[in-house]
Amino acid sequence: MPINRHSLHAIFSTTLATTISTAMLAFTLPAMANPDPSDWQSVVAEAEGQTVYWNAWGGEARTNAYIEWVAQQVDARYGIELVHVKLGDTSEAVSRVLAEKQAGNDNTGSVDMVWINGENFAAMKNNDLLFGPWSDSLPNYPLTDPDNTPAVRYDWTIPIDGLESPWSSSQVVFYYDTALVEEHPNNMPELLDWAAQNPGEFTYPQVPNFLGNAFITQALLELGEDTRIFYQPMQAEDFDAATEPLWAYLDELHPHLWRSGRAFPSNSADLRSLMGDSEISIALSFSTTEASGAIANYELPDTVRSYVHDSGMIGNMSFMAIPYNAEHKAGAMVVANYLMSPEAQAEKQDPEVWGSNTVLAMEQLTAEERALFDNIDLGIATLPPKELGEVLGQPHPSWVDALAEAWQERYVN
């Protein structure tokens, strides 16, 4: 999911200039009791008839179509109207919640649920903008096997503490056209050599797009001598030395990129389009099945295949959060729980639907539930799970913020 670090910095580090009028404060409603997630039947009963405003990135047609499908399901099952508030950037929802808090609106917020990532989660958690704890009490949460799956308890190294629920799992993969590339690179140095020999045939999305950020983070982890520092809060005095190998690499790589690195695609859809038009022959994705889904939808030729680097690839989980002042918390919890159901997770994993990996642990499912996943054709371009290699964790959000700002200063501003 895409984010704008400059927006987050402005939201949380700049004093709001707007003065809240006395009349506005007078409109504040009295506090209302929050639904108790441990009393699930009461939550479901309260949720019926609610309209849940789900703020989520709207930049990918397949994701939007899946959210439409979810809306149909929760309407039929629970009588919930789910409205997709399409965002260009998650910080739009974060800033809305913050502005409502500044205005004293603690009960009737306009954001009921938000598709969130580690940076936004850290910012909202630090500023007391989240409802909870609630996620540990969802009936489907045990299906993630949280006792043996640290990824559902930490978001970019930040403890979740029951404030968000997992709903999608992602890992970066590269994909290439075998009709154009005889032998793909296996690591960042090899990618640089390949790009120099094949100018214009590789690029990545502009930072701070989430996939662009993933590429530079992948490079940072592969090129760094000691990566442990990146999983701790960043100290300003460490930044230049720790990131110097990354900037040296990108400075050398960019002249060999598509359009000589003077322009970058906006997102994964634009990158996929360049690949489909044969303008580039190697690309990357935050979905292990994206290439197969694109082939099935005739966006990419059937000669495209996926691969990973030999030192592992960046991966993470996507989460759902509920703002502290959401008006329809019960409905949001019911939707979040449905998103973790085997049915919804299997539908999401189908490459022809979306192709985003499940957060569920197969050993926690019944044989009938596992069959939903066993019957999915992951597609000809998708690597088997055993070939995906090691999953590299996301660094601490403070490093990601600083990397994005430095990238913009070096290559855009």
Protein backbone atom coordinates (compact mmCIF):
# COMPACT_ATOMS: atom_id res chain seq x y z
CA MET A 1 0.00 0.00 0.00
CA PRO A 2 1.41 3.44 -0.99
CA ILE A 3 2.37 6.12 1.48
CA ASN A 4 3.84 9.58 1.45
CA ARG A 5 6.48 10.06 4.10
CA HIS A 6 6.58 13.81 3.54
CA SER A 7 2.86 13.96 4.31
CA LEU A 8 3.32 11.93 7.47
CA HIS A 9 6.18 14.14 8.57
CA ALA A 10 4.07 17.24 8.03
CA ILE A 11 1.11 15.73 9.84
CA PHE A 12 2.93 14.64 12.97
CA SER A 13 5.82 17.07 13.28
CA THR A 14 4.16 20.36 12.35
CA THR A 15 1.85 22.20 14.73
CA LEU A 16 -1.61 22.50 13.24
CA ALA A 17 -2.26 26.09 12.29
CA THR A 18 -6.04 25.75 12.30
CA THR A 19 -7.78 27.22 15.34
CA ILE A 20 -10.82 25.24 16.43
CA SER A 21 -13.81 27.47 17.06
CA THR A 22 -15.93 27.32 20.20
CA ALA A 23 -18.99 26.58 18.08
CA MET A 24 -17.27 23.54 16.61
CA LEU A 25 -16.40 22.21 20.04
CA ALA A 26 -19.96 22.74 21.15
CA PHE A 27 -21.04 20.30 18.48
CA THR A 28 -19.07 17.45 20.06
CA LEU A 29 -21.32 14.56 21.02
CA PRO A 30 -21.15 12.88 24.42
CA ALA A 31 -18.95 9.81 24.70
CA MET A 32 -20.48 6.53 23.55
CA ALA A 33 -19.63 3.08 24.85
CA ASN A 34 -17.32 1.14 22.56
CA PRO A 35 -18.33 -2.39 21.52
CA ASP A 36 -16.62 -5.16 23.47
CA PRO A 37 -14.80 -7.50 21.04
CA SER A 38 -14.81 -10.29 23.62
CA ASP A 39 -18.63 -10.36 23.37
CA TRP A 40 -18.67 -11.27 19.70
CA GLN A 41 -22.39 -11.94 19.35
CA SER A 42 -23.12 -8.45 20.65
CA VAL A 43 -20.61 -7.01 18.18
CA VAL A 44 -22.28 -8.81 15.27
CA ALA A 45 -25.72 -7.66 16.42
CA GLU A 46 -24.56 -4.04 16.72
CA ALA A 47 -22.87 -4.20 13.31
CA GLU A 48 -26.07 -5.07 11.44
CA GLY A 49 -27.31 -2.06 9.52
CA GLN A 50 -24.09 -0.07 9.89
CA THR A 51 -22.28 1.60 7.00
CA VAL A 52 -18.54 1.02 7.29
CA TYR A 53 -16.23 3.47 5.52
CA TRP A 54 -13.10 1.52 4.60
CA ASN A 55 -10.29 3.87 3.66
CA ALA A 56 -7.96 1.91 1.37
CA TRP A 57 -5.63 2.54 -1.51
CA GLY A 58 -7.56 2.77 -4.76
CA GLY A 59 -4.72 2.60 -7.26
CA GLU A 60 -5.04 -1.02 -8.45
CA ALA A 61 -8.08 -2.31 -10.36
CA ARG A 62 -7.80 -5.89 -9.06
CA THR A 63 -7.60 -4.73 -5.44
CA ASN A 64 -10.63 -2.50 -5.93
CA ALA A 65 -12.56 -5.39 -7.48
CA TYR A 66 -11.72 -7.62 -4.52
CA ILE A 67 -12.94 -4.98 -2.07
CA GLU A 68 -16.18 -4.78 -4.06
CA TRP A 69 -16.53 -8.56 -3.68
CA VAL A 70 -15.95 -8.28 0.09
CA ALA A 71 -18.66 -5.60 0.24
CA GLN A 72 -21.12 -7.99 -1.39
CA GLN A 73 -20.25 -10.74 1.08
CA VAL A 74 -20.55 -8.70 4.28
CA ASP A 75 -23.81 -7.21 3.07
CA ALA A 76 -25.28 -10.67 2.45
CA ARG A 77 -23.96 -12.19 5.68
CA TYR A 78 -24.12 -9.38 8.20
CA GLY A 79 -26.25 -6.62 6.75
CA ILE A 80 -23.25 -4.26 6.61
CA GLU A 81 -22.86 -1.70 3.86
CA LEU A 82 -19.15 -1.45 3.08
CA VAL A 83 -18.03 1.71 1.29
CA HIS A 84 -14.56 1.82 -0.24
CA VAL A 85 -13.10 5.29 0.28
CA LYS A 86 -10.37 5.21 -2.35
CA LEU A 87 -7.10 6.81 -1.29
CA GLY A 88 -4.14 7.89 -3.35
CA ASP A 89 -2.10 7.86 -0.18
CA THR A 90 -2.84 6.38 3.24
CA SER A 91 -1.72 9.58 4.93
CA GLU A 92 -4.97 11.15 3.67
CA ALA A 93 -6.92 9.03 6.14
CA VAL A 94 -4.36 9.58 8.90
CA SER A 95 -4.56 13.35 8.51
CA ARG A 96 -8.36 13.20 8.57
CA VAL A 97 -8.36 11.33 11.89
CA LEU A 98 -5.81 13.72 13.36
CA ALA A 99 -7.83 16.75 12.26
CA GLU A 100 -10.96 15.27 13.84
CA LYS A 101 -9.10 14.73 17.10
CA GLN A 102 -7.91 18.32 17.06
CA ALA A 103 -11.52 19.40 16.51
CA GLY A 104 -12.71 17.38 19.51
CA ASN A 105 -14.59 14.82 17.40
CA ASP A 106 -13.94 11.74 19.51
CA ASN A 107 -17.08 9.77 18.67
CA THR A 108 -18.29 10.24 15.10
CA GLY A 109 -15.16 10.00 12.99
CA SER A 110 -15.46 9.63 9.22
CA VAL A 111 -12.88 6.82 8.97
CA ASP A 112 -14.17 3.49 10.26
CA MET A 113 -11.39 1.25 9.03
CA VAL A 114 -8.10 1.84 7.25
CA TRP A 115 -5.70 -0.37 5.30
CA ILE A 116 -2.52 0.56 7.07
CA ASN A 117 1.20 -0.20 6.99
CA GLY A 118 4.05 0.00 9.45
CA GLU A 119 4.84 3.68 9.10
CA ASN A 120 1.24 4.83 9.40
CA PHE A 121 0.63 2.38 12.22
CA ALA A 122 3.60 3.68 14.20
CA ALA A 123 2.46 7.27 13.71
CA MET A 124 -1.15 6.57 14.70
CA LYS A 125 -0.14 4.43 17.67
CA ASN A 126 2.26 7.07 18.95
CA ASN A 127 -0.45 9.73 18.70
CA ASP A 128 -3.23 7.66 20.36
CA LEU A 129 -5.33 7.59 17.20
CA LEU A 130 -6.23 3.88 17.30
CA PHE A 131 -9.08 1.92 18.86
CA GLY A 132 -8.21 -1.18 20.81
CA PRO A 133 -7.06 -3.65 21.78
CA TRP A 134 -9.52 -5.64 19.67
CA SER A 135 -7.82 -7.77 17.01
CA ASP A 136 -6.74 -10.61 19.32
CA SER A 137 -10.41 -11.19 20.18
CA LEU A 138 -11.61 -11.75 16.62
CA PRO A 139 -12.93 -15.31 16.11
CA ASN A 140 -10.72 -15.87 13.05
CA TYR A 141 -7.53 -14.46 14.58
CA PRO A 142 -6.35 -17.88 15.94
CA LEU A 143 -6.25 -19.12 12.34
CA THR A 144 -3.10 -17.02 11.86
CA ASP A 145 -1.33 -19.12 14.53
CA PRO A 146 -0.14 -15.98 16.36
CA ASP A 147 1.87 -17.92 18.95
CA ASN A 148 4.15 -19.19 16.19
CA THR A 149 3.86 -16.34 13.70
CA PRO A 150 5.71 -13.22 14.89
CA ALA A 151 4.71 -11.39 11.71
CA VAL A 152 1.13 -11.01 12.98
CA ARG A 153 2.31 -9.49 16.27
CA TYR A 154 4.83 -6.94 14.94
CA ASP A 155 4.40 -4.41 12.16
CA TRP A 156 7.75 -3.13 10.90
CA THR A 157 9.27 -4.01 14.31
CA ILE A 158 6.46 -2.15 16.21
CA PRO A 159 4.42 -4.31 18.65
CA ILE A 160 0.83 -4.47 17.46
CA ASP A 161 -0.74 -4.86 20.93
CA GLY A 162 -4.14 -5.80 19.52
CA LEU A 163 -4.55 -2.53 17.61
CA GLU A 164 -4.72 -3.95 14.06
CA SER A 165 -5.58 -7.23 12.37
CA PRO A 166 -3.65 -8.93 9.55
CA TRP A 167 -5.39 -9.49 6.25
CA SER A 168 -2.75 -9.91 3.55
CA SER A 169 0.80 -11.21 3.23
CA SER A 170 3.24 -9.96 0.64
CA GLN A 171 6.78 -10.61 -0.52
CA VAL A 172 8.79 -8.83 -3.16
CA VAL A 173 9.67 -10.83 -6.25
CA PHE A 174 11.21 -9.87 -9.57
CA TYR A 175 9.69 -10.97 -12.84
CA TYR A 176 11.23 -11.09 -16.30
CA ASP A 177 10.39 -11.97 -19.88
CA THR A 178 12.20 -15.17 -20.75
CA ALA A 179 11.85 -14.31 -24.43
CA LEU A 180 14.05 -11.25 -23.88
CA VAL A 181 16.29 -12.21 -20.95
CA GLU A 182 18.48 -15.27 -21.23
CA GLU A 183 19.72 -15.31 -17.63
CA HIS A 184 18.25 -13.16 -14.85
CA PRO A 185 20.34 -11.47 -12.11
CA ASN A 186 20.50 -13.13 -8.69
CA ASN A 187 21.41 -10.15 -6.51
CA MET A 188 21.78 -6.38 -6.59
CA PRO A 189 25.35 -6.28 -7.95
CA GLU A 190 24.34 -8.63 -10.77
CA LEU A 191 21.29 -6.45 -11.48
CA LEU A 192 23.58 -3.45 -11.89
CA ASP A 193 25.79 -5.37 -14.31
CA TRP A 194 22.75 -6.57 -16.25
CA ALA A 195 21.28 -3.05 -16.45
CA ALA A 196 24.58 -1.68 -17.75
CA GLN A 197 24.54 -4.32 -20.50
CA ASN A 198 20.82 -3.78 -21.23
CA PRO A 199 20.21 -0.04 -20.82
CA GLY A 200 16.61 1.09 -20.48
CA GLU A 201 15.22 -2.38 -19.78
CA PHE A 202 14.74 -2.08 -16.00
CA THR A 203 13.23 0.49 -13.67
CA TYR A 204 11.34 0.74 -10.38
CA PRO A 205 8.51 3.00 -9.14
CA GLN A 206 9.30 6.44 -7.83
CA VAL A 207 9.82 6.68 -4.08
CA PRO A 208 7.79 7.10 -1.87
CA ASN A 209 5.51 4.65 -3.70
CA PHE A 210 5.48 1.51 -1.56
CA LEU A 211 7.03 -0.65 -4.29
CA GLY A 212 9.72 1.93 -5.02
CA ASN A 213 10.46 2.04 -1.32
CA ALA A 214 10.65 -1.76 -1.28
CA PHE A 215 13.26 -1.73 -4.04
CA ILE A 216 15.59 0.71 -2.31
CA THR A 217 15.09 -1.07 1.01
CA GLN A 218 15.93 -4.39 -0.65
CA ALA A 219 19.09 -2.81 -2.02
CA LEU A 220 19.92 -1.31 1.38
CA LEU A 221 19.71 -4.71 3.09
CA GLU A 222 21.64 -6.53 0.39
CA LEU A 223 24.45 -3.99 0.22
CA GLY A 224 24.80 -3.15 3.91
CA GLU A 225 27.55 -4.78 5.96
CA ASP A 226 25.56 -5.11 9.20
CA THR A 227 21.79 -4.91 8.73
CA ARG A 228 20.93 -5.14 12.44
CA ILE A 229 21.11 -1.37 12.74
CA PHE A 230 18.13 -0.99 10.38
CA TYR A 231 15.79 -2.80 12.78
CA GLN A 232 16.34 -0.28 15.56
CA PRO A 233 15.14 3.34 15.71
CA MET A 234 17.40 5.41 13.50
CA GLN A 235 19.94 7.74 15.03
CA ALA A 236 20.68 10.73 12.80
CA GLU A 237 24.41 10.40 13.27
CA ASP A 238 24.31 6.85 11.83
CA PHE A 239 22.36 7.60 8.67
CA ASP A 240 25.03 8.78 6.24
CA ALA A 241 27.52 6.00 6.90
CA ALA A 242 24.88 3.24 6.99
CA THR A 243 23.23 4.30 3.72
CA GLU A 244 26.32 5.29 1.73
CA PRO A 245 26.50 1.93 -0.11
CA LEU A 246 22.88 2.38 -1.22
CA TRP A 247 23.40 5.84 -2.72
CA ALA A 248 26.60 4.79 -4.43
CA TYR A 249 24.71 1.88 -5.97
CA LEU A 250 21.72 3.95 -7.13
CA ASP A 251 23.97 6.68 -8.53
CA GLU A 252 25.59 4.04 -10.72
CA LEU A 253 22.34 2.23 -11.58
CA HIS A 254 20.08 5.16 -12.53
CA PRO A 255 21.76 6.15 -15.82
CA HIS A 256 21.04 2.61 -17.10
CA LEU A 257 17.33 2.62 -16.18
CA TRP A 258 14.31 3.21 -18.40
CA ARG A 259 14.48 6.82 -19.59
CA SER A 260 17.97 6.95 -18.11
CA GLY A 261 16.52 7.34 -14.63
CA ARG A 262 15.13 10.80 -15.43
CA ALA A 263 11.58 9.56 -14.87
CA PHE A 264 10.05 6.70 -12.93
CA PRO A 265 6.70 4.88 -13.17
CA SER A 266 4.20 5.88 -10.51
CA ASN A 267 3.21 2.45 -9.21
CA SER A 268 3.07 -1.29 -9.84
CA ALA A 269 0.32 -0.96 -12.47
CA ASP A 270 2.44 1.45 -14.52
CA LEU A 271 5.44 -0.85 -14.14
CA ARG A 272 3.36 -3.80 -15.32
CA SER A 273 2.19 -1.77 -18.31
CA LEU A 274 5.79 -1.01 -19.31
CA MET A 275 6.53 -4.72 -19.13
CA GLY A 276 3.45 -5.59 -21.17
CA ASP A 277 4.49 -3.11 -23.86
CA SER A 278 8.02 -4.61 -23.93
CA GLU A 279 9.56 -1.28 -22.92
CA ILE A 280 11.33 -3.09 -20.09
CA SER A 281 12.16 -6.76 -19.65
CA ILE A 282 12.67 -7.01 -15.86
CA ALA A 283 10.32 -5.59 -13.22
CA LEU A 284 9.35 -6.26 -9.61
CA SER A 285 6.22 -6.75 -7.57
CA PHE A 286 5.09 -6.96 -3.94
CA SER A 287 2.89 -9.93 -4.88
CA THR A 288 4.33 -13.36 -5.60
CA THR A 289 1.45 -14.10 -7.99
CA GLU A 290 1.14 -10.75 -9.78
CA ALA A 291 2.87 -11.91 -12.94
CA SER A 292 0.61 -14.97 -13.23
CA GLY A 293 -2.49 -12.87 -12.67
CA ALA A 294 -1.35 -10.39 -15.29
CA ILE A 295 -0.76 -13.22 -17.76
CA ALA A 296 -4.23 -14.60 -17.05
CA ASN A 297 -5.67 -11.13 -17.66
CA TYR A 298 -3.65 -10.69 -20.88
CA GLU A 299 -1.59 -7.84 -19.45
CA LEU A 300 1.71 -9.72 -19.77
CA PRO A 301 2.96 -12.30 -22.28
CA ASP A 302 2.99 -15.93 -21.16
CA THR A 303 6.78 -15.96 -21.41
CA VAL A 304 7.07 -13.96 -18.16
CA ARG A 305 8.36 -15.77 -15.06
CA SER A 306 9.22 -14.75 -11.47
CA TYR A 307 12.49 -15.03 -9.55
CA VAL A 308 14.04 -13.94 -6.25
CA HIS A 309 17.49 -12.88 -5.11
CA ASP A 310 19.66 -15.46 -3.43
CA SER A 311 19.96 -13.52 -0.13
CA GLY A 312 16.20 -13.28 0.44
CA MET A 313 13.50 -10.72 -0.35
CA ILE A 314 11.63 -8.06 1.61
CA GLY A 315 8.24 -9.19 2.88
CA ASN A 316 5.54 -8.04 5.27
CA MET A 317 1.92 -8.29 6.24
CA SER A 318 -0.79 -5.74 5.58
CA PHE A 319 -3.08 -4.83 8.45
CA MET A 320 -6.46 -3.33 9.15
CA ALA A 321 -6.81 -0.66 11.85
CA ILE A 322 -9.79 1.10 13.40
CA PRO A 323 -9.38 4.77 14.43
CA TYR A 324 -10.11 5.64 18.06
CA ASN A 325 -13.10 7.78 17.02
CA ALA A 326 -14.60 5.51 14.35
CA GLU A 327 -18.38 5.79 14.40
CA HIS A 328 -18.98 2.19 13.32
CA LYS A 329 -16.43 0.14 15.27
CA ALA A 330 -18.64 -2.96 15.49
CA GLY A 331 -19.12 -3.10 11.74
CA ALA A 332 -15.41 -2.53 11.17
CA MET A 333 -14.50 -5.43 13.46
CA VAL A 334 -16.95 -7.75 11.70
CA VAL A 335 -15.48 -6.82 8.31
CA ALA A 336 -11.92 -7.28 9.59
CA ASN A 337 -12.85 -10.69 10.95
CA TYR A 338 -14.43 -11.70 7.64
CA LEU A 339 -11.26 -10.63 5.80
CA MET A 340 -9.39 -13.30 7.82
CA SER A 341 -11.90 -16.03 6.98
CA PRO A 342 -10.65 -18.95 4.86
CA GLU A 343 -13.19 -18.08 2.18
CA ALA A 344 -12.07 -14.45 1.87
CA GLN A 345 -8.39 -15.36 2.10
CA ALA A 346 -8.67 -18.02 -0.61
CA GLU A 347 -10.55 -15.66 -2.91
CA LYS A 348 -7.84 -13.02 -2.42
CA GLN A 349 -5.02 -15.49 -3.16
CA ASP A 350 -6.41 -16.48 -6.55
CA PRO A 351 -4.12 -14.78 -9.13
CA GLU A 352 -7.06 -14.14 -11.41
CA VAL A 353 -8.75 -12.18 -8.59
CA TRP A 354 -5.79 -10.48 -6.90
CA GLY A 355 -3.05 -12.97 -6.00
CA SER A 356 -2.18 -11.60 -2.56
CA ASN A 357 -0.95 -14.30 -0.20
CA THR A 358 -2.91 -15.54 2.79
CA VAL A 359 -2.15 -14.68 6.42
CA LEU A 360 -3.61 -17.97 7.62
CA ALA A 361 -1.61 -20.94 8.87
CA MET A 362 -2.71 -24.03 6.95
CA GLU A 363 -2.25 -26.30 9.97
CA GLN A 364 -4.90 -24.27 11.80
CA LEU A 365 -7.53 -24.99 9.13
CA THR A 366 -9.87 -27.91 8.65
CA ALA A 367 -9.35 -30.21 5.69
CA GLU A 368 -12.29 -28.55 3.94
CA GLU A 369 -10.80 -25.09 4.51
CA ARG A 370 -7.35 -26.16 3.30
CA ALA A 371 -8.96 -27.47 0.14
CA LEU A 372 -9.98 -23.92 -0.75
CA PHE A 373 -6.27 -23.10 -1.09
CA ASP A 374 -5.17 -26.42 -2.54
CA ASN A 375 -7.54 -25.86 -5.46
CA ILE A 376 -6.06 -22.48 -6.39
CA ASP A 377 -4.02 -22.46 -9.59
CA LEU A 378 -1.20 -20.07 -8.69
CA GLY A 379 -0.26 -19.73 -12.35
CA ILE A 380 2.68 -20.48 -14.59
CA ALA A 381 4.77 -17.49 -13.46
CA THR A 382 4.43 -18.07 -9.72
CA LEU A 383 7.27 -19.59 -7.73
CA PRO A 384 6.37 -22.48 -5.42
CA PRO A 385 6.52 -21.47 -1.73
CA LYS A 386 9.68 -23.53 -1.18
CA GLU A 387 11.47 -21.49 -3.88
CA LEU A 388 10.63 -18.05 -2.48
CA GLY A 389 13.65 -18.11 -0.20
CA GLU A 390 14.16 -16.19 3.02
CA VAL A 391 11.75 -13.37 3.88
CA LEU A 392 13.60 -10.23 4.99
CA GLY A 393 11.76 -8.14 7.57
CA GLN A 394 10.93 -4.48 7.03
CA PRO A 395 13.30 -2.08 8.81
CA HIS A 396 12.11 0.26 11.57
CA PRO A 397 9.81 2.99 10.18
CA SER A 398 12.27 5.73 11.15
CA TRP A 399 14.75 4.38 8.60
CA VAL A 400 12.09 4.20 5.89
CA ASP A 401 11.07 7.82 6.47
CA ALA A 402 14.67 9.01 6.28
CA LEU A 403 15.42 6.91 3.19
CA ALA A 404 12.43 8.34 1.31
CA GLU A 405 13.33 11.92 2.16
CA ALA A 406 16.95 11.39 1.13
CA TRP A 407 15.89 9.71 -2.14
CA GLN A 408 13.65 12.66 -3.00
CA GLU A 409 16.40 15.15 -2.25
CA ARG A 410 18.94 13.28 -4.37
CA TYR A 411 16.84 12.29 -7.37
CA VAL A 412 13.81 14.59 -7.53
CA ASN A 413 14.25 17.91 -5.71
